[in-house]
Amino acid sequence: MKPVTSSDDSTLIEYPCDFPIKIMGRVGSPSGIPPSAATLEYRRQDFSQNVLAIVKRHAPDFDEATMEVRISRKSNYLSLTCTIRAVSREQLDALYQELCDHPTVVMVL
């Protein structure tokens, strides 16, 4: 089966393909005062669940067990890496847009 390519000739991506997306969010306190362990864990879980819901909306076959989670050294930021099976440029654009529009997301790479 020949890979489907985007209708935009300026892309080098051939679809379908495995595509990693890194999503970063702030889970620590903006004031610099460290939150309690329970509060920090709640924020981590909340951020992870919000991101997972968005990713699954655009890539329903995403396996959440493959999501990579990293917390920053000072526990202020959480990064999640989700490798999805991308099928089109439109899918990726919509996913990036929804992630970037979410209030707890700081950056999407």
PDB file of N, CA and C in Angstrom:
ATOM      1  N   MET A   1       0.842  -1.170   0.000  1.00  0.00           N
ATOM      2  CA  MET A   1       0.000   0.000   0.000  1.00  0.00           C
ATOM      3  C   MET A   1       0.891   1.237   0.000  1.00  0.00           C
ATOM      4  N   LYS A   2       0.631   2.154  -0.904  1.00  0.00           N
ATOM      5  CA  LYS A   2       1.409   3.382  -1.013  1.00  0.00           C
ATOM      6  C   LYS A   2       0.989   4.369   0.076  1.00  0.00           C
ATOM      7  N   PRO A   3       1.987   5.026   0.764  1.00  0.00           N
ATOM      8  CA  PRO A   3       1.635   5.984   1.809  1.00  0.00           C
ATOM      9  C   PRO A   3       0.892   7.183   1.228  1.00  0.00           C
ATOM     10  N   VAL A   4      -0.061   7.684   1.985  1.00  0.00           N
ATOM     11  CA  VAL A   4      -0.800   8.866   1.603  1.00  0.00           C
ATOM     12  C   VAL A   4       0.007  10.070   2.050  1.00  0.00           C
ATOM     13  N   THR A   5       0.189  11.027   1.171  1.00  0.00           N
ATOM     14  CA  THR A   5       0.914  12.235   1.538  1.00  0.00           C
ATOM     15  C   THR A   5      -0.069  13.388   1.647  1.00  0.00           C
ATOM     16  N   SER A   6       0.313  14.381   2.379  1.00  0.00           N
ATOM     17  CA  SER A   6      -0.531  15.546   2.570  1.00  0.00           C
ATOM     18  C   SER A   6      -0.738  16.259   1.241  1.00  0.00           C
ATOM     19  N   SER A   7      -1.859  16.946   1.117  1.00  0.00           N
ATOM     20  CA  SER A   7      -2.123  17.709  -0.092  1.00  0.00           C
ATOM     21  C   SER A   7      -1.207  18.927  -0.188  1.00  0.00           C
ATOM     22  N   ASP A   8      -0.581  19.297   0.901  1.00  0.00           N
ATOM     23  CA  ASP A   8       0.365  20.405   0.934  1.00  0.00           C
ATOM     24  C   ASP A   8       1.747  19.851   0.586  1.00  0.00           C
ATOM     25  N   ASP A   9       2.274  20.238  -0.574  1.00  0.00           N
ATOM     26  CA  ASP A   9       3.548  19.701  -1.037  1.00  0.00           C
ATOM     27  C   ASP A   9       4.748  20.203  -0.237  1.00  0.00           C
ATOM     28  N   SER A  10       4.549  21.168   0.672  1.00  0.00           N
ATOM     29  CA  SER A  10       5.673  21.702   1.426  1.00  0.00           C
ATOM     30  C   SER A  10       6.039  20.835   2.625  1.00  0.00           C
ATOM     31  N   THR A  11       5.308  19.759   2.891  1.00  0.00           N
ATOM     32  CA  THR A  11       5.610  18.896   4.021  1.00  0.00           C
ATOM     33  C   THR A  11       6.463  17.709   3.580  1.00  0.00           C
ATOM     34  N   LEU A  12       7.319  17.257   4.472  1.00  0.00           N
ATOM     35  CA  LEU A  12       8.147  16.095   4.185  1.00  0.00           C
ATOM     36  C   LEU A  12       7.605  14.848   4.875  1.00  0.00           C
ATOM     37  N   ILE A  13       6.506  14.997   5.577  1.00  0.00           N
ATOM     38  CA  ILE A  13       5.918  13.888   6.316  1.00  0.00           C
ATOM     39  C   ILE A  13       5.050  13.051   5.387  1.00  0.00           C
ATOM     40  N   GLU A  14       5.252  11.751   5.459  1.00  0.00           N
ATOM     41  CA  GLU A  14       4.389  10.837   4.717  1.00  0.00           C
ATOM     42  C   GLU A  14       3.446  10.176   5.704  1.00  0.00           C
ATOM     43  N   TYR A  15       2.166  10.222   5.389  1.00  0.00           N
ATOM     44  CA  TYR A  15       1.142   9.670   6.278  1.00  0.00           C
ATOM     45  C   TYR A  15       0.677   8.324   5.755  1.00  0.00           C
ATOM     46  N   PRO A  16       0.312   7.425   6.641  1.00  0.00           N
ATOM     47  CA  PRO A  16       0.349   7.504   8.092  1.00  0.00           C
ATOM     48  C   PRO A  16       1.765   7.310   8.624  1.00  0.00           C
ATOM     49  N   CYS A  17       2.020   7.844   9.816  1.00  0.00           N
ATOM     50  CA  CYS A  17       3.329   7.706  10.453  1.00  0.00           C
ATOM     51  C   CYS A  17       3.191   7.861  11.958  1.00  0.00           C
ATOM     52  N   ASP A  18       4.179   7.347  12.686  1.00  0.00           N
ATOM     53  CA  ASP A  18       4.234   7.560  14.122  1.00  0.00           C
ATOM     54  C   ASP A  18       4.807   8.949  14.356  1.00  0.00           C
ATOM     55  N   PHE A  19       4.120   9.754  15.163  1.00  0.00           N
ATOM     56  CA  PHE A  19       4.493  11.148  15.334  1.00  0.00           C
ATOM     57  C   PHE A  19       4.494  11.509  16.821  1.00  0.00           C
ATOM     58  N   PRO A  20       5.675  11.811  17.384  1.00  0.00           N
ATOM     59  CA  PRO A  20       5.733  12.179  18.802  1.00  0.00           C
ATOM     60  C   PRO A  20       5.353  13.645  19.024  1.00  0.00           C
ATOM     61  N   ILE A  21       4.559  13.872  20.053  1.00  0.00           N
ATOM     62  CA  ILE A  21       4.160  15.224  20.430  1.00  0.00           C
ATOM     63  C   ILE A  21       4.502  15.397  21.905  1.00  0.00           C
ATOM     64  N   LYS A  22       5.230  16.462  22.220  1.00  0.00           N
ATOM     65  CA  LYS A  22       5.596  16.749  23.614  1.00  0.00           C
ATOM     66  C   LYS A  22       4.741  17.908  24.100  1.00  0.00           C
ATOM     67  N   ILE A  23       4.056  17.691  25.216  1.00  0.00           N
ATOM     68  CA  ILE A  23       3.157  18.682  25.786  1.00  0.00           C
ATOM     69  C   ILE A  23       3.663  19.030  27.185  1.00  0.00           C
ATOM     70  N   MET A  24       3.864  20.321  27.437  1.00  0.00           N
ATOM     71  CA  MET A  24       4.361  20.740  28.747  1.00  0.00           C
ATOM     72  C   MET A  24       3.337  21.642  29.433  1.00  0.00           C
ATOM     73  N   GLY A  25       3.215  21.426  30.742  1.00  0.00           N
ATOM     74  CA  GLY A  25       2.291  22.232  31.527  1.00  0.00           C
ATOM     75  C   GLY A  25       2.873  22.538  32.888  1.00  0.00           C
ATOM     76  N   ARG A  26       2.381  23.612  33.500  1.00  0.00           N
ATOM     77  CA  ARG A  26       2.835  24.017  34.826  1.00  0.00           C
ATOM     78  C   ARG A  26       1.981  23.299  35.858  1.00  0.00           C
ATOM     79  N   VAL A  27       2.660  22.591  36.767  1.00  0.00           N
ATOM     80  CA  VAL A  27       1.953  21.901  37.847  1.00  0.00           C
ATOM     81  C   VAL A  27       2.364  22.432  39.216  1.00  0.00           C
ATOM     82  N   GLY A  28       3.469  23.158  39.256  1.00  0.00           N
ATOM     83  CA  GLY A  28       3.921  23.752  40.508  1.00  0.00           C
ATOM     84  C   GLY A  28       3.179  25.044  40.774  1.00  0.00           C
ATOM     85  N   SER A  29       3.519  25.686  41.853  1.00  0.00           N
ATOM     86  CA  SER A  29       2.877  26.939  42.239  1.00  0.00           C
ATOM     87  C   SER A  29       3.555  28.117  41.551  1.00  0.00           C
ATOM     88  N   PRO A  30       2.787  29.013  40.913  1.00  0.00           N
ATOM     89  CA  PRO A  30       3.394  30.183  40.272  1.00  0.00           C
ATOM     90  C   PRO A  30       4.068  31.116  41.278  1.00  0.00           C
ATOM     91  N   SER A  31       3.676  31.040  42.540  1.00  0.00           N
ATOM     92  CA  SER A  31       4.261  31.923  43.555  1.00  0.00           C
ATOM     93  C   SER A  31       5.648  31.478  43.977  1.00  0.00           C
ATOM     94  N   GLY A  32       6.033  30.253  43.581  1.00  0.00           N
ATOM     95  CA  GLY A  32       7.336  29.737  43.976  1.00  0.00           C
ATOM     96  C   GLY A  32       7.298  28.968  45.276  1.00  0.00           C
ATOM     97  N   ILE A  33       6.188  29.059  45.988  1.00  0.00           N
ATOM     98  CA  ILE A  33       6.037  28.292  47.230  1.00  0.00           C
ATOM     99  C   ILE A  33       5.618  26.880  46.848  1.00  0.00           C
ATOM    100  N   PRO A  34       6.388  25.882  47.236  1.00  0.00           N
ATOM    101  CA  PRO A  34       6.073  24.519  46.836  1.00  0.00           C
ATOM    102  C   PRO A  34       4.715  24.070  47.377  1.00  0.00           C
ATOM    103  N   PRO A  35       3.874  23.489  46.489  1.00  0.00           N
ATOM    104  CA  PRO A  35       2.590  22.967  46.961  1.00  0.00           C
ATOM    105  C   PRO A  35       2.807  21.673  47.746  1.00  0.00           C
ATOM    106  N   SER A  36       1.803  21.266  48.467  1.00  0.00           N
ATOM    107  CA  SER A  36       1.905  20.007  49.207  1.00  0.00           C
ATOM    108  C   SER A  36       2.026  18.852  48.211  1.00  0.00           C
ATOM    109  N   ALA A  37       2.509  17.729  48.688  1.00  0.00           N
ATOM    110  CA  ALA A  37       2.662  16.548  47.830  1.00  0.00           C
ATOM    111  C   ALA A  37       1.319  16.131  47.258  1.00  0.00           C
ATOM    112  N   ALA A  38       0.267  16.210  48.046  1.00  0.00           N
ATOM    113  CA  ALA A  38      -1.069  15.818  47.583  1.00  0.00           C
ATOM    114  C   ALA A  38      -1.559  16.760  46.483  1.00  0.00           C
ATOM    115  N   THR A  39      -1.340  18.057  46.658  1.00  0.00           N
ATOM    116  CA  THR A  39      -1.745  19.037  45.645  1.00  0.00           C
ATOM    117  C   THR A  39      -0.962  18.828  44.359  1.00  0.00           C
ATOM    118  N   LEU A  40       0.324  18.600  44.478  1.00  0.00           N
ATOM    119  CA  LEU A  40       1.171  18.366  43.315  1.00  0.00           C
ATOM    120  C   LEU A  40       0.720  17.126  42.555  1.00  0.00           C
ATOM    121  N   GLU A  41       0.420  16.059  43.265  1.00  0.00           N
ATOM    122  CA  GLU A  41      -0.041  14.826  42.623  1.00  0.00           C
ATOM    123  C   GLU A  41      -1.386  15.044  41.939  1.00  0.00           C
ATOM    124  N   TYR A  42      -2.279  15.781  42.567  1.00  0.00           N
ATOM    125  CA  TYR A  42      -3.575  16.087  41.955  1.00  0.00           C
ATOM    126  C   TYR A  42      -3.374  16.865  40.655  1.00  0.00           C
ATOM    127  N   ARG A  43      -2.507  17.877  40.677  1.00  0.00           N
ATOM    128  CA  ARG A  43      -2.257  18.683  39.473  1.00  0.00           C
ATOM    129  C   ARG A  43      -1.640  17.838  38.362  1.00  0.00           C
ATOM    130  N   ARG A  44      -0.740  16.929  38.717  1.00  0.00           N
ATOM    131  CA  ARG A  44      -0.134  16.028  37.719  1.00  0.00           C
ATOM    132  C   ARG A  44      -1.202  15.157  37.076  1.00  0.00           C
ATOM    133  N   GLN A  45      -2.050  14.565  37.908  1.00  0.00           N
ATOM    134  CA  GLN A  45      -3.103  13.693  37.396  1.00  0.00           C
ATOM    135  C   GLN A  45      -4.096  14.468  36.533  1.00  0.00           C
ATOM    136  N   ASP A  46      -4.475  15.646  36.990  1.00  0.00           N
ATOM    137  CA  ASP A  46      -5.433  16.472  36.261  1.00  0.00           C
ATOM    138  C   ASP A  46      -4.875  16.869  34.897  1.00  0.00           C
ATOM    139  N   PHE A  47      -3.625  17.327  34.885  1.00  0.00           N
ATOM    140  CA  PHE A  47      -2.999  17.722  33.619  1.00  0.00           C
ATOM    141  C   PHE A  47      -2.908  16.527  32.673  1.00  0.00           C
ATOM    142  N   SER A  48      -2.455  15.389  33.190  1.00  0.00           N
ATOM    143  CA  SER A  48      -2.318  14.191  32.367  1.00  0.00           C
ATOM    144  C   SER A  48      -3.655  13.755  31.785  1.00  0.00           C
ATOM    145  N   GLN A  49      -4.706  13.773  32.585  1.00  0.00           N
ATOM    146  CA  GLN A  49      -6.027  13.358  32.112  1.00  0.00           C
ATOM    147  C   GLN A  49      -6.589  14.326  31.076  1.00  0.00           C
ATOM    148  N   ASN A  50      -6.379  15.629  31.278  1.00  0.00           N
ATOM    149  CA  ASN A  50      -6.840  16.623  30.294  1.00  0.00           C
ATOM    150  C   ASN A  50      -6.142  16.438  28.952  1.00  0.00           C
ATOM    151  N   VAL A  51      -4.827  16.261  29.003  1.00  0.00           N
ATOM    152  CA  VAL A  51      -4.059  16.062  27.767  1.00  0.00           C
ATOM    153  C   VAL A  51      -4.475  14.759  27.098  1.00  0.00           C
ATOM    154  N   LEU A  52      -4.609  13.706  27.865  1.00  0.00           N
ATOM    155  CA  LEU A  52      -4.996  12.412  27.311  1.00  0.00           C
ATOM    156  C   LEU A  52      -6.351  12.497  26.614  1.00  0.00           C
ATOM    157  N   ALA A  53      -7.297  13.190  27.207  1.00  0.00           N
ATOM    158  CA  ALA A  53      -8.622  13.333  26.594  1.00  0.00           C
ATOM    159  C   ALA A  53      -8.530  14.040  25.241  1.00  0.00           C
ATOM    160  N   ILE A  54      -7.705  15.085  25.161  1.00  0.00           N
ATOM    161  CA  ILE A  54      -7.533  15.812  23.900  1.00  0.00           C
ATOM    162  C   ILE A  54      -6.872  14.919  22.859  1.00  0.00           C
ATOM    163  N   VAL A  55      -5.793  14.241  23.251  1.00  0.00           N
ATOM    164  CA  VAL A  55      -5.080  13.373  22.309  1.00  0.00           C
ATOM    165  C   VAL A  55      -6.006  12.278  21.784  1.00  0.00           C
ATOM    166  N   LYS A  56      -6.774  11.653  22.676  1.00  0.00           N
ATOM    167  CA  LYS A  56      -7.672  10.562  22.265  1.00  0.00           C
ATOM    168  C   LYS A  56      -8.792  11.064  21.356  1.00  0.00           C
ATOM    169  N   ARG A  57      -9.179  12.319  21.505  1.00  0.00           N
ATOM    170  CA  ARG A  57     -10.209  12.889  20.629  1.00  0.00           C
ATOM    171  C   ARG A  57      -9.711  12.955  19.180  1.00  0.00           C
ATOM    172  N   HIS A  58      -8.424  13.206  19.016  1.00  0.00           N
ATOM    173  CA  HIS A  58      -7.862  13.356  17.669  1.00  0.00           C
ATOM    174  C   HIS A  58      -7.175  12.085  17.167  1.00  0.00           C
ATOM    175  N   ALA A  59      -6.773  11.220  18.092  1.00  0.00           N
ATOM    176  CA  ALA A  59      -6.121   9.950  17.739  1.00  0.00           C
ATOM    177  C   ALA A  59      -6.714   8.860  18.637  1.00  0.00           C
ATOM    178  N   PRO A  60      -7.918   8.396  18.306  1.00  0.00           N
ATOM    179  CA  PRO A  60      -8.628   7.454  19.184  1.00  0.00           C
ATOM    180  C   PRO A  60      -7.873   6.159  19.459  1.00  0.00           C
ATOM    181  N   ASP A  61      -6.946   5.810  18.586  1.00  0.00           N
ATOM    182  CA  ASP A  61      -6.194   4.565  18.763  1.00  0.00           C
ATOM    183  C   ASP A  61      -4.945   4.748  19.632  1.00  0.00           C
ATOM    184  N   PHE A  62      -4.727   5.950  20.173  1.00  0.00           N
ATOM    185  CA  PHE A  62      -3.551   6.191  21.015  1.00  0.00           C
ATOM    186  C   PHE A  62      -3.619   5.315  22.253  1.00  0.00           C
ATOM    187  N   ASP A  63      -2.513   4.635  22.543  1.00  0.00           N
ATOM    188  CA  ASP A  63      -2.412   3.765  23.712  1.00  0.00           C
ATOM    189  C   ASP A  63      -1.816   4.571  24.866  1.00  0.00           C
ATOM    190  N   GLU A  64      -2.640   4.890  25.859  1.00  0.00           N
ATOM    191  CA  GLU A  64      -2.184   5.738  26.963  1.00  0.00           C
ATOM    192  C   GLU A  64      -1.050   5.116  27.761  1.00  0.00           C
ATOM    193  N   ALA A  65      -0.871   3.820  27.679  1.00  0.00           N
ATOM    194  CA  ALA A  65       0.229   3.157  28.385  1.00  0.00           C
ATOM    195  C   ALA A  65       1.586   3.550  27.806  1.00  0.00           C
ATOM    196  N   THR A  66       1.594   4.082  26.584  1.00  0.00           N
ATOM    197  CA  THR A  66       2.853   4.486  25.947  1.00  0.00           C
ATOM    198  C   THR A  66       3.219   5.939  26.235  1.00  0.00           C
ATOM    199  N   MET A  67       2.350   6.666  26.939  1.00  0.00           N
ATOM    200  CA  MET A  67       2.621   8.070  27.236  1.00  0.00           C
ATOM    201  C   MET A  67       3.810   8.171  28.189  1.00  0.00           C
ATOM    202  N   GLU A  68       4.787   8.986  27.827  1.00  0.00           N
ATOM    203  CA  GLU A  68       5.963   9.201  28.666  1.00  0.00           C
ATOM    204  C   GLU A  68       5.736  10.442  29.516  1.00  0.00           C
ATOM    205  N   VAL A  69       6.035  10.327  30.802  1.00  0.00           N
ATOM    206  CA  VAL A  69       5.800  11.415  31.751  1.00  0.00           C
ATOM    207  C   VAL A  69       7.115  11.783  32.423  1.00  0.00           C
ATOM    208  N   ARG A  70       7.402  13.094  32.447  1.00  0.00           N
ATOM    209  CA  ARG A  70       8.606  13.584  33.136  1.00  0.00           C
ATOM    210  C   ARG A  70       8.248  14.839  33.910  1.00  0.00           C
ATOM    211  N   ILE A  71       8.753  14.903  35.124  1.00  0.00           N
ATOM    212  CA  ILE A  71       8.544  16.079  35.960  1.00  0.00           C
ATOM    213  C   ILE A  71       9.862  16.857  36.001  1.00  0.00           C
ATOM    214  N   SER A  72       9.778  18.168  36.028  1.00  0.00           N
ATOM    215  CA  SER A  72      11.001  18.981  36.076  1.00  0.00           C
ATOM    216  C   SER A  72      11.695  18.822  37.428  1.00  0.00           C
ATOM    217  N   ARG A  73      12.947  19.212  37.469  1.00  0.00           N
ATOM    218  CA  ARG A  73      13.763  19.044  38.674  1.00  0.00           C
ATOM    219  C   ARG A  73      13.119  19.684  39.900  1.00  0.00           C
ATOM    220  N   LYS A  74      12.533  20.850  39.734  1.00  0.00           N
ATOM    221  CA  LYS A  74      11.925  21.546  40.869  1.00  0.00           C
ATOM    222  C   LYS A  74      10.421  21.271  40.978  1.00  0.00           C
ATOM    223  N   SER A  75       9.940  20.317  40.214  1.00  0.00           N
ATOM    224  CA  SER A  75       8.525  19.906  40.225  1.00  0.00           C
ATOM    225  C   SER A  75       7.563  21.015  39.821  1.00  0.00           C
ATOM    226  N   ASN A  76       8.036  21.969  39.015  1.00  0.00           N
ATOM    227  CA  ASN A  76       7.158  23.040  38.554  1.00  0.00           C
ATOM    228  C   ASN A  76       6.439  22.687  37.258  1.00  0.00           C
ATOM    229  N   TYR A  77       7.075  21.867  36.423  1.00  0.00           N
ATOM    230  CA  TYR A  77       6.525  21.542  35.116  1.00  0.00           C
ATOM    231  C   TYR A  77       6.447  20.034  34.920  1.00  0.00           C
ATOM    232  N   LEU A  78       5.471  19.646  34.117  1.00  0.00           N
ATOM    233  CA  LEU A  78       5.294  18.248  33.750  1.00  0.00           C
ATOM    234  C   LEU A  78       5.302  18.185  32.239  1.00  0.00           C
ATOM    235  N   SER A  79       6.059  17.257  31.675  1.00  0.00           N
ATOM    236  CA  SER A  79       6.026  17.076  30.226  1.00  0.00           C
ATOM    237  C   SER A  79       5.515  15.675  29.926  1.00  0.00           C
ATOM    238  N   LEU A  80       4.664  15.622  28.923  1.00  0.00           N
ATOM    239  CA  LEU A  80       4.095  14.365  28.464  1.00  0.00           C
ATOM    240  C   LEU A  80       4.473  14.201  27.007  1.00  0.00           C
ATOM    241  N   THR A  81       4.947  13.028  26.646  1.00  0.00           N
ATOM    242  CA  THR A  81       5.224  12.737  25.241  1.00  0.00           C
ATOM    243  C   THR A  81       4.263  11.655  24.800  1.00  0.00           C
ATOM    244  N   CYS A  82       3.486  11.996  23.774  1.00  0.00           N
ATOM    245  CA  CYS A  82       2.501  11.074  23.215  1.00  0.00           C
ATOM    246  C   CYS A  82       2.878  10.823  21.761  1.00  0.00           C
ATOM    247  N   THR A  83       3.155   9.580  21.435  1.00  0.00           N
ATOM    248  CA  THR A  83       3.457   9.234  20.044  1.00  0.00           C
ATOM    249  C   THR A  83       2.192   8.652  19.440  1.00  0.00           C
ATOM    250  N   ILE A  84       1.607   9.416  18.513  1.00  0.00           N
ATOM    251  CA  ILE A  84       0.349   9.001  17.889  1.00  0.00           C
ATOM    252  C   ILE A  84       0.609   8.465  16.491  1.00  0.00           C
ATOM    253  N   ARG A  85      -0.360   7.783  15.958  1.00  0.00           N
ATOM    254  CA  ARG A  85      -0.324   7.356  14.558  1.00  0.00           C
ATOM    255  C   ARG A  85      -1.028   8.455  13.771  1.00  0.00           C
ATOM    256  N   ALA A  86      -0.229   9.350  13.181  1.00  0.00           N
ATOM    257  CA  ALA A  86      -0.778  10.490  12.445  1.00  0.00           C
ATOM    258  C   ALA A  86      -1.220  10.033  11.056  1.00  0.00           C
ATOM    259  N   VAL A  87      -2.414  10.468  10.670  1.00  0.00           N
ATOM    260  CA  VAL A  87      -2.946  10.071   9.368  1.00  0.00           C
ATOM    261  C   VAL A  87      -3.052  11.234   8.391  1.00  0.00           C
ATOM    262  N   SER A  88      -2.951  12.474   8.884  1.00  0.00           N
ATOM    263  CA  SER A  88      -3.031  13.621   7.977  1.00  0.00           C
ATOM    264  C   SER A  88      -2.498  14.880   8.640  1.00  0.00           C
ATOM    265  N   ARG A  89      -2.177  15.831   7.837  1.00  0.00           N
ATOM    266  CA  ARG A  89      -1.737  17.147   8.326  1.00  0.00           C
ATOM    267  C   ARG A  89      -2.876  17.821   9.073  1.00  0.00           C
ATOM    268  N   GLU A  90      -4.088  17.652   8.573  1.00  0.00           N
ATOM    269  CA  GLU A  90      -5.254  18.252   9.200  1.00  0.00           C
ATOM    270  C   GLU A  90      -5.448  17.718  10.625  1.00  0.00           C
ATOM    271  N   GLN A  91      -5.231  16.415  10.805  1.00  0.00           N
ATOM    272  CA  GLN A  91      -5.340  15.811  12.130  1.00  0.00           C
ATOM    273  C   GLN A  91      -4.324  16.442  13.087  1.00  0.00           C
ATOM    274  N   LEU A  92      -3.075  16.556  12.647  1.00  0.00           N
ATOM    275  CA  LEU A  92      -2.027  17.138  13.491  1.00  0.00           C
ATOM    276  C   LEU A  92      -2.311  18.603  13.800  1.00  0.00           C
ATOM    277  N   ASP A  93      -2.752  19.360  12.800  1.00  0.00           N
ATOM    278  CA  ASP A  93      -3.057  20.775  13.023  1.00  0.00           C
ATOM    279  C   ASP A  93      -4.163  20.950  14.059  1.00  0.00           C
ATOM    280  N   ALA A  94      -5.207  20.139  13.952  1.00  0.00           N
ATOM    281  CA  ALA A  94      -6.329  20.235  14.895  1.00  0.00           C
ATOM    282  C   ALA A  94      -5.887  19.838  16.306  1.00  0.00           C
ATOM    283  N   LEU A  95      -5.072  18.807  16.407  1.00  0.00           N
ATOM    284  CA  LEU A  95      -4.574  18.360  17.703  1.00  0.00           C
ATOM    285  C   LEU A  95      -3.700  19.431  18.344  1.00  0.00           C
ATOM    286  N   TYR A  96      -2.748  19.965  17.585  1.00  0.00           N
ATOM    287  CA  TYR A  96      -1.877  21.024  18.103  1.00  0.00           C
ATOM    288  C   TYR A  96      -2.702  22.231  18.548  1.00  0.00           C
ATOM    289  N   GLN A  97      -3.694  22.613  17.756  1.00  0.00           N
ATOM    290  CA  GLN A  97      -4.506  23.785  18.080  1.00  0.00           C
ATOM    291  C   GLN A  97      -5.269  23.588  19.386  1.00  0.00           C
ATOM    292  N   GLU A  98      -5.908  22.417  19.539  1.00  0.00           N
ATOM    293  CA  GLU A  98      -6.666  22.177  20.769  1.00  0.00           C
ATOM    294  C   GLU A  98      -5.748  22.116  21.993  1.00  0.00           C
ATOM    295  N   LEU A  99      -4.586  21.498  21.842  1.00  0.00           N
ATOM    296  CA  LEU A  99      -3.636  21.452  22.958  1.00  0.00           C
ATOM    297  C   LEU A  99      -3.169  22.858  23.329  1.00  0.00           C
ATOM    298  N   CYS A 100      -2.815  23.655  22.341  1.00  0.00           N
ATOM    299  CA  CYS A 100      -2.330  25.016  22.597  1.00  0.00           C
ATOM    300  C   CYS A 100      -3.407  25.911  23.209  1.00  0.00           C
ATOM    301  N   ASP A 101      -4.666  25.640  22.901  1.00  0.00           N
ATOM    302  CA  ASP A 101      -5.778  26.436  23.429  1.00  0.00           C
ATOM    303  C   ASP A 101      -6.126  26.078  24.872  1.00  0.00           C
ATOM    304  N   HIS A 102      -5.635  24.946  25.360  1.00  0.00           N
ATOM    305  CA  HIS A 102      -5.988  24.525  26.716  1.00  0.00           C
ATOM    306  C   HIS A 102      -5.248  25.392  27.735  1.00  0.00           C
ATOM    307  N   PRO A 103      -5.942  25.871  28.771  1.00  0.00           N
ATOM    308  CA  PRO A 103      -5.320  26.814  29.717  1.00  0.00           C
ATOM    309  C   PRO A 103      -4.165  26.244  30.545  1.00  0.00           C
ATOM    310  N   THR A 104      -4.083  24.936  30.725  1.00  0.00           N
ATOM    311  CA  THR A 104      -2.992  24.387  31.542  1.00  0.00           C
ATOM    312  C   THR A 104      -1.764  24.019  30.720  1.00  0.00           C
ATOM    313  N   VAL A 105      -1.867  24.089  29.399  1.00  0.00           N
ATOM    314  CA  VAL A 105      -0.741  23.758  28.531  1.00  0.00           C
ATOM    315  C   VAL A 105       0.115  24.995  28.308  1.00  0.00           C
ATOM    316  N   VAL A 106       1.407  24.851  28.563  1.00  0.00           N
ATOM    317  CA  VAL A 106       2.343  25.960  28.395  1.00  0.00           C
ATOM    318  C   VAL A 106       2.993  25.921  27.010  1.00  0.00           C
ATOM    319  N   MET A 107       3.306  24.701  26.529  1.00  0.00           N
ATOM    320  CA  MET A 107       4.012  24.588  25.265  1.00  0.00           C
ATOM    321  C   MET A 107       3.742  23.218  24.635  1.00  0.00           C
ATOM    322  N   VAL A 108       3.692  23.200  23.296  1.00  0.00           N
ATOM    323  CA  VAL A 108       3.534  21.952  22.554  1.00  0.00           C
ATOM    324  C   VAL A 108       4.625  21.912  21.492  1.00  0.00           C
ATOM    325  N   LEU A 109       5.384  20.824  21.491  1.00  0.00           N
ATOM    326  CA  LEU A 109       6.463  20.651  20.504  1.00  0.00           C
ATOM    327  C   LEU A 109       6.209  19.412  19.688  1.00  0.00           C
TER     328      LEU A 109
END
